[in-house]
Amino acid sequence: MRLNKTLGTTLIALAATLLLSACPNQPTKGQEATGATVGGASSHPDRGRRQGKYTAADLNNPASPLYQRTIYFDYDSSDIRPRFLDTLRAHASYLSSDPAAQVTLDGHTDERGTREYNLALGYHRAGAVRDFLRAEGAPPGRLRTMSYGEEQPAELGHTETAWSRNRRVELVY
């Protein structure tokens, strides 16, 4: 019985993933377009990196780009916003220079959508960040992805402000 339940859950997640990949990422009525995003393409690996290497101490330094460990997304999208590219490049640089560094990329969504859809969208968001970090030189063995869907909101509420803070990937070292 347990095997059937696990298989059923896996099939639901797979169906949601397939459904998500077929959905357009266009703004809905009443939603503003926010400009260009990056959905997997990488630019030059040295752009945005500073001279020298980042250290674990930079994770707790508010002046360091490593201090920023939350990447926000537009509604129904797993495209990385351009404003987060330099931050992610800094994290990739740190991960490639510190052999002990590992990160879990926790994908989150707002409450809109079904549970299965939101779990799939959370995985897509975490996967987009993972793929970008890998393209920028982060070792794949140090990157782990998780999805919490709508289950761990950063902010409670049923407003666009709350929803926008819940559509995120958190980098957890």
N, C-alpha and C. Protein backbone atom coordinates (compact mmCIF):
# COMPACT_ATOMS: atom_id res chain seq x y z
N MET A 1 0.83 -1.20 0.00
CA MET A 1 0.00 0.00 0.00
C MET A 1 0.87 1.25 0.00
N ARG A 2 1.96 1.22 0.81
CA ARG A 2 2.82 2.39 0.90
C ARG A 2 3.51 2.67 -0.44
N LEU A 3 3.90 1.60 -1.14
CA LEU A 3 4.53 1.77 -2.45
C LEU A 3 3.56 2.45 -3.42
N ASN A 4 2.30 2.05 -3.39
CA ASN A 4 1.30 2.67 -4.27
C ASN A 4 1.13 4.15 -3.94
N LYS A 5 1.15 4.51 -2.66
CA LYS A 5 1.01 5.92 -2.26
C LYS A 5 2.21 6.73 -2.75
N THR A 6 3.41 6.17 -2.58
CA THR A 6 4.62 6.85 -3.04
C THR A 6 4.60 7.00 -4.56
N LEU A 7 4.21 5.94 -5.26
CA LEU A 7 4.13 6.00 -6.71
C LEU A 7 3.10 7.04 -7.14
N GLY A 8 1.96 7.09 -6.47
CA GLY A 8 0.92 8.06 -6.79
C GLY A 8 1.41 9.48 -6.59
N THR A 9 2.11 9.73 -5.48
CA THR A 9 2.65 11.07 -5.20
C THR A 9 3.67 11.46 -6.26
N THR A 10 4.51 10.51 -6.65
CA THR A 10 5.51 10.77 -7.68
C THR A 10 4.85 11.09 -9.01
N LEU A 11 3.81 10.35 -9.37
CA LEU A 11 3.11 10.60 -10.63
C LEU A 11 2.43 11.96 -10.62
N ILE A 12 1.86 12.36 -9.48
CA ILE A 12 1.23 13.68 -9.37
C ILE A 12 2.27 14.77 -9.56
N ALA A 13 3.42 14.62 -8.90
CA ALA A 13 4.49 15.63 -9.03
C ALA A 13 4.99 15.69 -10.47
N LEU A 14 5.12 14.53 -11.11
CA LEU A 14 5.56 14.51 -12.50
C LEU A 14 4.55 15.19 -13.41
N ALA A 15 3.26 14.92 -13.19
CA ALA A 15 2.22 15.56 -14.00
C ALA A 15 2.23 17.07 -13.79
N ALA A 16 2.41 17.51 -12.54
CA ALA A 16 2.47 18.94 -12.27
C ALA A 16 3.67 19.57 -12.96
N THR A 17 4.80 18.87 -12.96
CA THR A 17 6.00 19.38 -13.62
C THR A 17 5.76 19.53 -15.12
N LEU A 18 5.14 18.52 -15.71
CA LEU A 18 4.85 18.61 -17.14
C LEU A 18 3.87 19.74 -17.44
N LEU A 19 2.88 19.90 -16.59
CA LEU A 19 1.92 20.99 -16.76
C LEU A 19 2.60 22.33 -16.64
N LEU A 20 3.49 22.46 -15.66
CA LEU A 20 4.20 23.72 -15.45
C LEU A 20 5.08 24.06 -16.64
N SER A 21 5.74 23.07 -17.21
CA SER A 21 6.63 23.36 -18.34
C SER A 21 5.84 23.79 -19.57
N ALA A 22 4.56 23.47 -19.62
CA ALA A 22 3.73 23.87 -20.76
C ALA A 22 3.06 25.21 -20.55
N CYS A 23 3.12 25.76 -19.34
CA CYS A 23 2.44 27.03 -19.04
C CYS A 23 3.27 28.21 -19.53
N PRO A 24 2.61 29.21 -20.14
CA PRO A 24 3.34 30.40 -20.57
C PRO A 24 3.72 31.25 -19.37
N ASN A 25 4.81 31.97 -19.51
CA ASN A 25 5.27 32.85 -18.45
C ASN A 25 4.96 34.29 -18.80
N GLN A 26 3.73 34.56 -19.19
CA GLN A 26 3.34 35.91 -19.54
C GLN A 26 2.56 36.52 -18.38
N PRO A 27 2.68 37.83 -18.19
CA PRO A 27 1.93 38.47 -17.12
C PRO A 27 0.44 38.30 -17.35
N THR A 28 -0.29 38.15 -16.25
CA THR A 28 -1.74 38.05 -16.33
C THR A 28 -2.33 39.44 -16.23
N LYS A 29 -3.62 39.56 -16.49
CA LYS A 29 -4.30 40.84 -16.43
C LYS A 29 -4.07 41.48 -15.06
N GLY A 30 -3.69 42.72 -15.04
CA GLY A 30 -3.45 43.44 -13.78
C GLY A 30 -2.04 43.26 -13.25
N GLN A 31 -1.22 42.49 -13.91
CA GLN A 31 0.15 42.28 -13.45
C GLN A 31 1.09 43.00 -14.41
N GLU A 32 2.02 43.74 -13.85
CA GLU A 32 2.96 44.49 -14.68
C GLU A 32 4.05 43.59 -15.20
N ALA A 33 4.51 43.87 -16.38
CA ALA A 33 5.71 43.22 -16.88
C ALA A 33 6.89 43.87 -16.19
N THR A 34 7.84 43.07 -15.76
CA THR A 34 8.95 43.61 -14.97
C THR A 34 10.25 43.67 -15.73
N GLY A 35 10.23 43.51 -17.00
CA GLY A 35 11.47 43.61 -17.76
C GLY A 35 12.05 42.24 -18.04
N ALA A 36 13.24 42.26 -18.58
CA ALA A 36 13.88 41.03 -19.02
C ALA A 36 14.28 40.16 -17.85
N THR A 37 14.27 38.88 -18.08
CA THR A 37 14.71 37.91 -17.09
C THR A 37 15.64 36.93 -17.77
N VAL A 38 16.30 36.13 -16.96
CA VAL A 38 17.22 35.13 -17.47
C VAL A 38 16.66 33.78 -17.10
N GLY A 39 16.49 32.91 -18.06
CA GLY A 39 15.92 31.61 -17.79
C GLY A 39 16.87 30.48 -18.10
N GLY A 40 18.11 30.62 -17.83
CA GLY A 40 19.03 29.53 -18.05
C GLY A 40 20.25 29.95 -18.85
N ALA A 41 20.18 31.04 -19.56
CA ALA A 41 21.34 31.49 -20.31
C ALA A 41 22.32 32.15 -19.35
N SER A 42 23.56 31.90 -19.55
CA SER A 42 24.58 32.48 -18.70
C SER A 42 25.41 33.47 -19.49
N SER A 43 25.89 34.49 -18.84
CA SER A 43 26.79 35.41 -19.50
C SER A 43 28.22 35.09 -19.09
N HIS A 44 29.11 35.97 -19.40
CA HIS A 44 30.53 35.73 -19.16
C HIS A 44 30.79 35.37 -17.70
N PRO A 45 31.55 34.28 -17.43
CA PRO A 45 31.74 33.83 -16.06
C PRO A 45 32.49 34.79 -15.15
N ASP A 46 33.25 35.73 -15.70
CA ASP A 46 34.00 36.63 -14.82
C ASP A 46 33.26 37.92 -14.51
N ARG A 47 32.15 38.17 -15.19
CA ARG A 47 31.42 39.41 -14.95
C ARG A 47 30.85 39.40 -13.54
N GLY A 48 31.00 40.50 -12.81
CA GLY A 48 30.42 40.64 -11.49
C GLY A 48 31.29 40.10 -10.37
N ARG A 49 32.39 39.45 -10.67
CA ARG A 49 33.25 38.92 -9.61
C ARG A 49 34.26 39.97 -9.20
N ARG A 50 34.57 39.97 -7.93
CA ARG A 50 35.58 40.91 -7.46
C ARG A 50 36.95 40.26 -7.51
N GLN A 51 37.98 41.05 -7.32
CA GLN A 51 39.33 40.50 -7.23
C GLN A 51 39.43 39.69 -5.95
N GLY A 52 40.11 38.56 -6.00
CA GLY A 52 40.25 37.73 -4.81
C GLY A 52 39.09 36.77 -4.68
N LYS A 53 39.06 36.04 -3.58
CA LYS A 53 38.03 35.03 -3.36
C LYS A 53 37.15 35.41 -2.19
N TYR A 54 35.92 34.95 -2.26
CA TYR A 54 35.01 35.13 -1.13
C TYR A 54 35.32 34.07 -0.07
N THR A 55 35.02 34.42 1.18
CA THR A 55 35.23 33.48 2.28
C THR A 55 33.91 33.30 3.03
N ALA A 56 33.88 32.34 3.92
CA ALA A 56 32.68 32.09 4.72
C ALA A 56 32.29 33.33 5.53
N ALA A 57 33.26 34.15 5.91
CA ALA A 57 32.96 35.38 6.66
C ALA A 57 32.10 36.34 5.85
N ASP A 58 32.22 36.29 4.53
CA ASP A 58 31.41 37.16 3.67
C ASP A 58 29.92 36.86 3.77
N LEU A 59 29.57 35.64 4.17
CA LEU A 59 28.16 35.28 4.32
C LEU A 59 27.46 36.10 5.39
N ASN A 60 28.22 36.59 6.37
CA ASN A 60 27.66 37.38 7.47
C ASN A 60 28.01 38.86 7.39
N ASN A 61 28.59 39.28 6.29
CA ASN A 61 28.98 40.67 6.10
C ASN A 61 27.94 41.38 5.23
N PRO A 62 27.16 42.32 5.80
CA PRO A 62 26.12 43.01 5.03
C PRO A 62 26.64 43.75 3.79
N ALA A 63 27.93 44.05 3.75
CA ALA A 63 28.51 44.74 2.60
C ALA A 63 28.86 43.76 1.46
N SER A 64 28.78 42.47 1.72
CA SER A 64 29.14 41.46 0.73
C SER A 64 27.91 40.99 -0.04
N PRO A 65 28.08 40.69 -1.33
CA PRO A 65 26.93 40.14 -2.08
C PRO A 65 26.50 38.77 -1.56
N LEU A 66 27.37 38.08 -0.83
CA LEU A 66 27.01 36.77 -0.28
C LEU A 66 25.99 36.89 0.86
N TYR A 67 25.87 38.07 1.43
CA TYR A 67 24.91 38.30 2.51
C TYR A 67 23.48 38.15 1.99
N GLN A 68 23.27 38.51 0.72
CA GLN A 68 21.96 38.35 0.08
C GLN A 68 21.80 36.88 -0.31
N ARG A 69 20.90 36.18 0.35
CA ARG A 69 20.71 34.76 0.08
C ARG A 69 19.26 34.41 -0.29
N THR A 70 18.51 35.41 -0.70
CA THR A 70 17.14 35.18 -1.16
C THR A 70 16.99 35.78 -2.56
N ILE A 71 16.53 34.95 -3.48
CA ILE A 71 16.32 35.35 -4.87
C ILE A 71 14.81 35.33 -5.10
N TYR A 72 14.26 36.45 -5.53
CA TYR A 72 12.81 36.56 -5.72
C TYR A 72 12.42 36.38 -7.19
N PHE A 73 11.20 35.89 -7.40
CA PHE A 73 10.71 35.57 -8.73
C PHE A 73 9.38 36.27 -9.00
N ASP A 74 9.09 36.44 -10.28
CA ASP A 74 7.80 36.96 -10.71
C ASP A 74 6.75 35.86 -10.58
N TYR A 75 5.50 36.27 -10.62
CA TYR A 75 4.37 35.34 -10.55
C TYR A 75 4.46 34.30 -11.65
N ASP A 76 4.29 33.03 -11.27
CA ASP A 76 4.22 31.91 -12.20
C ASP A 76 5.47 31.83 -13.08
N SER A 77 6.63 32.15 -12.52
CA SER A 77 7.85 32.17 -13.31
C SER A 77 9.01 31.56 -12.53
N SER A 78 9.91 30.93 -13.29
CA SER A 78 11.15 30.44 -12.70
C SER A 78 12.35 31.11 -13.36
N ASP A 79 12.10 32.22 -14.06
CA ASP A 79 13.18 32.99 -14.69
C ASP A 79 13.86 33.87 -13.64
N ILE A 80 15.18 33.87 -13.66
CA ILE A 80 15.95 34.68 -12.70
C ILE A 80 15.93 36.13 -13.16
N ARG A 81 15.57 37.01 -12.26
CA ARG A 81 15.56 38.44 -12.57
C ARG A 81 17.00 38.94 -12.72
N PRO A 82 17.24 39.83 -13.67
CA PRO A 82 18.59 40.35 -13.90
C PRO A 82 19.23 40.96 -12.65
N ARG A 83 18.45 41.56 -11.76
CA ARG A 83 19.03 42.21 -10.59
C ARG A 83 19.71 41.23 -9.63
N PHE A 84 19.45 39.93 -9.79
CA PHE A 84 20.05 38.94 -8.90
C PHE A 84 21.26 38.22 -9.52
N LEU A 85 21.61 38.56 -10.76
CA LEU A 85 22.68 37.85 -11.45
C LEU A 85 24.04 38.03 -10.78
N ASP A 86 24.39 39.26 -10.41
CA ASP A 86 25.69 39.48 -9.75
C ASP A 86 25.75 38.79 -8.39
N THR A 87 24.64 38.78 -7.68
CA THR A 87 24.58 38.08 -6.39
C THR A 87 24.85 36.59 -6.60
N LEU A 88 24.20 36.00 -7.59
CA LEU A 88 24.40 34.58 -7.85
C LEU A 88 25.81 34.28 -8.35
N ARG A 89 26.38 35.21 -9.13
CA ARG A 89 27.77 35.02 -9.57
C ARG A 89 28.72 35.02 -8.36
N ALA A 90 28.46 35.87 -7.39
CA ALA A 90 29.29 35.89 -6.18
C ALA A 90 29.16 34.56 -5.43
N HIS A 91 27.95 34.03 -5.33
CA HIS A 91 27.76 32.74 -4.66
C HIS A 91 28.47 31.62 -5.42
N ALA A 92 28.42 31.65 -6.74
CA ALA A 92 29.12 30.64 -7.54
C ALA A 92 30.62 30.73 -7.31
N SER A 93 31.13 31.94 -7.25
CA SER A 93 32.56 32.14 -7.00
C SER A 93 32.96 31.59 -5.64
N TYR A 94 32.14 31.88 -4.63
CA TYR A 94 32.42 31.36 -3.29
C TYR A 94 32.38 29.84 -3.27
N LEU A 95 31.36 29.26 -3.88
CA LEU A 95 31.23 27.80 -3.88
C LEU A 95 32.40 27.13 -4.61
N SER A 96 32.89 27.77 -5.65
CA SER A 96 34.00 27.17 -6.40
C SER A 96 35.34 27.36 -5.69
N SER A 97 35.43 28.34 -4.79
CA SER A 97 36.72 28.59 -4.13
C SER A 97 36.83 27.96 -2.74
N ASP A 98 35.72 27.60 -2.11
CA ASP A 98 35.75 27.00 -0.77
C ASP A 98 35.32 25.54 -0.86
N PRO A 99 36.27 24.61 -0.74
CA PRO A 99 35.94 23.19 -0.91
C PRO A 99 34.96 22.65 0.14
N ALA A 100 34.80 23.34 1.25
CA ALA A 100 33.88 22.88 2.29
C ALA A 100 32.46 23.44 2.11
N ALA A 101 32.30 24.41 1.25
CA ALA A 101 31.00 25.07 1.09
C ALA A 101 30.02 24.20 0.34
N GLN A 102 28.82 24.09 0.89
CA GLN A 102 27.70 23.41 0.24
C GLN A 102 26.46 24.27 0.46
N VAL A 103 25.53 24.21 -0.48
CA VAL A 103 24.32 25.02 -0.35
C VAL A 103 23.10 24.21 -0.76
N THR A 104 22.02 24.43 -0.05
CA THR A 104 20.73 23.89 -0.44
C THR A 104 19.90 25.04 -0.98
N LEU A 105 19.30 24.82 -2.13
CA LEU A 105 18.49 25.84 -2.79
C LEU A 105 17.04 25.48 -2.54
N ASP A 106 16.41 26.21 -1.63
CA ASP A 106 15.04 25.95 -1.22
C ASP A 106 14.07 26.78 -2.05
N GLY A 107 13.26 26.11 -2.88
CA GLY A 107 12.30 26.78 -3.73
C GLY A 107 10.97 26.96 -3.01
N HIS A 108 10.38 28.15 -3.16
CA HIS A 108 9.12 28.50 -2.50
C HIS A 108 8.19 29.19 -3.50
N THR A 109 6.89 29.14 -3.21
CA THR A 109 5.89 29.81 -4.04
C THR A 109 4.91 30.55 -3.13
N ASP A 110 4.06 31.35 -3.74
CA ASP A 110 2.96 31.92 -2.98
C ASP A 110 1.84 30.88 -2.90
N GLU A 111 0.77 31.22 -2.27
CA GLU A 111 -0.30 30.25 -1.99
C GLU A 111 -1.21 29.95 -3.16
N ARG A 112 -1.10 30.71 -4.22
CA ARG A 112 -1.98 30.51 -5.37
C ARG A 112 -1.53 29.28 -6.16
N GLY A 113 -2.45 28.52 -6.65
CA GLY A 113 -2.13 27.29 -7.38
C GLY A 113 -2.34 26.08 -6.49
N THR A 114 -2.39 24.91 -7.10
CA THR A 114 -2.57 23.68 -6.33
C THR A 114 -1.28 23.32 -5.62
N ARG A 115 -1.38 22.46 -4.65
CA ARG A 115 -0.20 22.02 -3.91
C ARG A 115 0.83 21.40 -4.85
N GLU A 116 0.38 20.54 -5.75
CA GLU A 116 1.28 19.85 -6.68
C GLU A 116 1.94 20.84 -7.64
N TYR A 117 1.16 21.77 -8.15
CA TYR A 117 1.71 22.77 -9.06
C TYR A 117 2.77 23.61 -8.35
N ASN A 118 2.47 24.02 -7.12
CA ASN A 118 3.42 24.85 -6.38
C ASN A 118 4.69 24.09 -6.02
N LEU A 119 4.59 22.80 -5.71
CA LEU A 119 5.80 22.01 -5.47
C LEU A 119 6.65 21.95 -6.73
N ALA A 120 6.01 21.73 -7.87
CA ALA A 120 6.75 21.69 -9.13
C ALA A 120 7.38 23.04 -9.45
N LEU A 121 6.64 24.12 -9.24
CA LEU A 121 7.18 25.46 -9.50
C LEU A 121 8.36 25.76 -8.57
N GLY A 122 8.27 25.36 -7.31
CA GLY A 122 9.38 25.53 -6.38
C GLY A 122 10.63 24.80 -6.86
N TYR A 123 10.45 23.57 -7.38
CA TYR A 123 11.58 22.82 -7.93
C TYR A 123 12.14 23.51 -9.17
N HIS A 124 11.28 24.04 -10.03
CA HIS A 124 11.76 24.75 -11.22
C HIS A 124 12.59 25.97 -10.82
N ARG A 125 12.14 26.71 -9.82
CA ARG A 125 12.88 27.89 -9.37
C ARG A 125 14.23 27.48 -8.79
N ALA A 126 14.24 26.48 -7.93
CA ALA A 126 15.51 26.01 -7.35
C ALA A 126 16.43 25.49 -8.45
N GLY A 127 15.85 24.79 -9.43
CA GLY A 127 16.64 24.27 -10.54
C GLY A 127 17.22 25.36 -11.41
N ALA A 128 16.48 26.45 -11.61
CA ALA A 128 17.01 27.57 -12.40
C ALA A 128 18.22 28.19 -11.70
N VAL A 129 18.13 28.34 -10.38
CA VAL A 129 19.26 28.90 -9.63
C VAL A 129 20.43 27.92 -9.67
N ARG A 130 20.16 26.62 -9.47
CA ARG A 130 21.21 25.60 -9.54
C ARG A 130 21.91 25.64 -10.90
N ASP A 131 21.13 25.67 -11.97
CA ASP A 131 21.72 25.65 -13.31
C ASP A 131 22.57 26.90 -13.55
N PHE A 132 22.12 28.05 -13.07
CA PHE A 132 22.89 29.28 -13.24
C PHE A 132 24.21 29.17 -12.44
N LEU A 133 24.15 28.71 -11.20
CA LEU A 133 25.36 28.57 -10.38
C LEU A 133 26.35 27.61 -11.05
N ARG A 134 25.85 26.50 -11.58
CA ARG A 134 26.72 25.55 -12.27
C ARG A 134 27.36 26.18 -13.49
N ALA A 135 26.59 26.93 -14.26
CA ALA A 135 27.13 27.59 -15.45
C ALA A 135 28.19 28.62 -15.10
N GLU A 136 28.11 29.16 -13.89
CA GLU A 136 29.08 30.15 -13.43
C GLU A 136 30.26 29.52 -12.69
N GLY A 137 30.33 28.18 -12.64
CA GLY A 137 31.50 27.51 -12.10
C GLY A 137 31.33 26.83 -10.76
N ALA A 138 30.15 26.86 -10.17
CA ALA A 138 29.94 26.17 -8.89
C ALA A 138 29.94 24.66 -9.13
N PRO A 139 30.64 23.91 -8.30
CA PRO A 139 30.68 22.46 -8.47
C PRO A 139 29.30 21.83 -8.23
N PRO A 140 28.81 21.01 -9.15
CA PRO A 140 27.47 20.44 -9.03
C PRO A 140 27.26 19.62 -7.76
N GLY A 141 28.30 18.97 -7.26
CA GLY A 141 28.17 18.14 -6.07
C GLY A 141 27.91 18.92 -4.79
N ARG A 142 28.03 20.22 -4.85
CA ARG A 142 27.81 21.05 -3.65
C ARG A 142 26.47 21.77 -3.68
N LEU A 143 25.64 21.45 -4.67
CA LEU A 143 24.35 22.11 -4.83
C LEU A 143 23.24 21.08 -4.64
N ARG A 144 22.31 21.39 -3.77
CA ARG A 144 21.16 20.51 -3.52
C ARG A 144 19.89 21.35 -3.68
N THR A 145 18.88 20.79 -4.32
CA THR A 145 17.62 21.52 -4.50
C THR A 145 16.50 20.88 -3.69
N MET A 146 15.62 21.74 -3.19
CA MET A 146 14.44 21.32 -2.44
C MET A 146 13.29 22.22 -2.88
N SER A 147 12.07 21.73 -2.71
CA SER A 147 10.90 22.57 -2.94
C SER A 147 9.96 22.43 -1.76
N TYR A 148 9.52 23.56 -1.26
CA TYR A 148 8.52 23.59 -0.20
C TYR A 148 7.18 24.10 -0.72
N GLY A 149 7.16 24.47 -1.99
CA GLY A 149 5.91 24.99 -2.55
C GLY A 149 5.44 26.17 -1.73
N GLU A 150 4.19 26.11 -1.31
CA GLU A 150 3.58 27.19 -0.53
C GLU A 150 3.65 26.94 0.97
N GLU A 151 4.29 25.85 1.39
CA GLU A 151 4.22 25.39 2.78
C GLU A 151 4.99 26.23 3.79
N GLN A 152 5.95 27.00 3.38
CA GLN A 152 6.74 27.80 4.32
C GLN A 152 6.77 29.26 3.87
N PRO A 153 5.67 29.97 4.01
CA PRO A 153 5.65 31.36 3.56
C PRO A 153 6.59 32.25 4.37
N ALA A 154 7.22 33.19 3.70
CA ALA A 154 8.06 34.17 4.39
C ALA A 154 7.17 35.21 5.06
N GLU A 155 6.01 35.44 4.46
CA GLU A 155 5.07 36.43 4.99
C GLU A 155 3.64 35.91 4.80
N LEU A 156 2.88 35.94 5.88
CA LEU A 156 1.48 35.53 5.81
C LEU A 156 0.65 36.67 5.24
N GLY A 157 -0.40 36.33 4.54
CA GLY A 157 -1.28 37.36 3.99
C GLY A 157 -1.72 37.00 2.60
N HIS A 158 -2.75 37.68 2.16
CA HIS A 158 -3.33 37.42 0.85
C HIS A 158 -3.25 38.69 0.00
N THR A 159 -2.07 39.31 0.01
CA THR A 159 -1.84 40.53 -0.76
C THR A 159 -0.68 40.31 -1.72
N GLU A 160 -0.58 41.17 -2.72
CA GLU A 160 0.53 41.05 -3.66
C GLU A 160 1.87 41.21 -2.95
N THR A 161 1.92 42.06 -1.92
CA THR A 161 3.17 42.24 -1.18
C THR A 161 3.59 40.93 -0.52
N ALA A 162 2.66 40.27 0.15
CA ALA A 162 2.97 38.99 0.80
C ALA A 162 3.34 37.94 -0.24
N TRP A 163 2.56 37.86 -1.31
CA TRP A 163 2.84 36.87 -2.33
C TRP A 163 4.22 37.08 -2.95
N SER A 164 4.59 38.34 -3.20
CA SER A 164 5.88 38.61 -3.84
C SER A 164 7.05 38.20 -2.94
N ARG A 165 6.88 38.26 -1.65
CA ARG A 165 7.96 37.85 -0.72
C ARG A 165 8.03 36.33 -0.57
N ASN A 166 6.96 35.66 -0.94
CA ASN A 166 6.94 34.20 -0.83
C ASN A 166 7.44 33.50 -2.09
N ARG A 167 7.50 34.19 -3.21
CA ARG A 167 8.00 33.63 -4.47
C ARG A 167 9.51 33.77 -4.49
N ARG A 168 10.22 32.73 -4.01
CA ARG A 168 11.65 32.90 -3.77
C ARG A 168 12.39 31.57 -3.80
N VAL A 169 13.72 31.69 -3.89
CA VAL A 169 14.65 30.60 -3.61
C VAL A 169 15.58 31.12 -2.55
N GLU A 170 15.73 30.35 -1.48
CA GLU A 170 16.67 30.71 -0.41
C GLU A 170 17.90 29.84 -0.54
N LEU A 171 19.07 30.47 -0.46
CA LEU A 171 20.33 29.74 -0.46
C LEU A 171 20.70 29.47 0.99
N VAL A 172 20.69 28.21 1.38
CA VAL A 172 20.93 27.81 2.77
C VAL A 172 22.26 27.08 2.84
N TYR A 173 23.25 27.73 3.46
CA TYR A 173 24.59 27.13 3.59
C TYR A 173 24.66 26.30 4.86
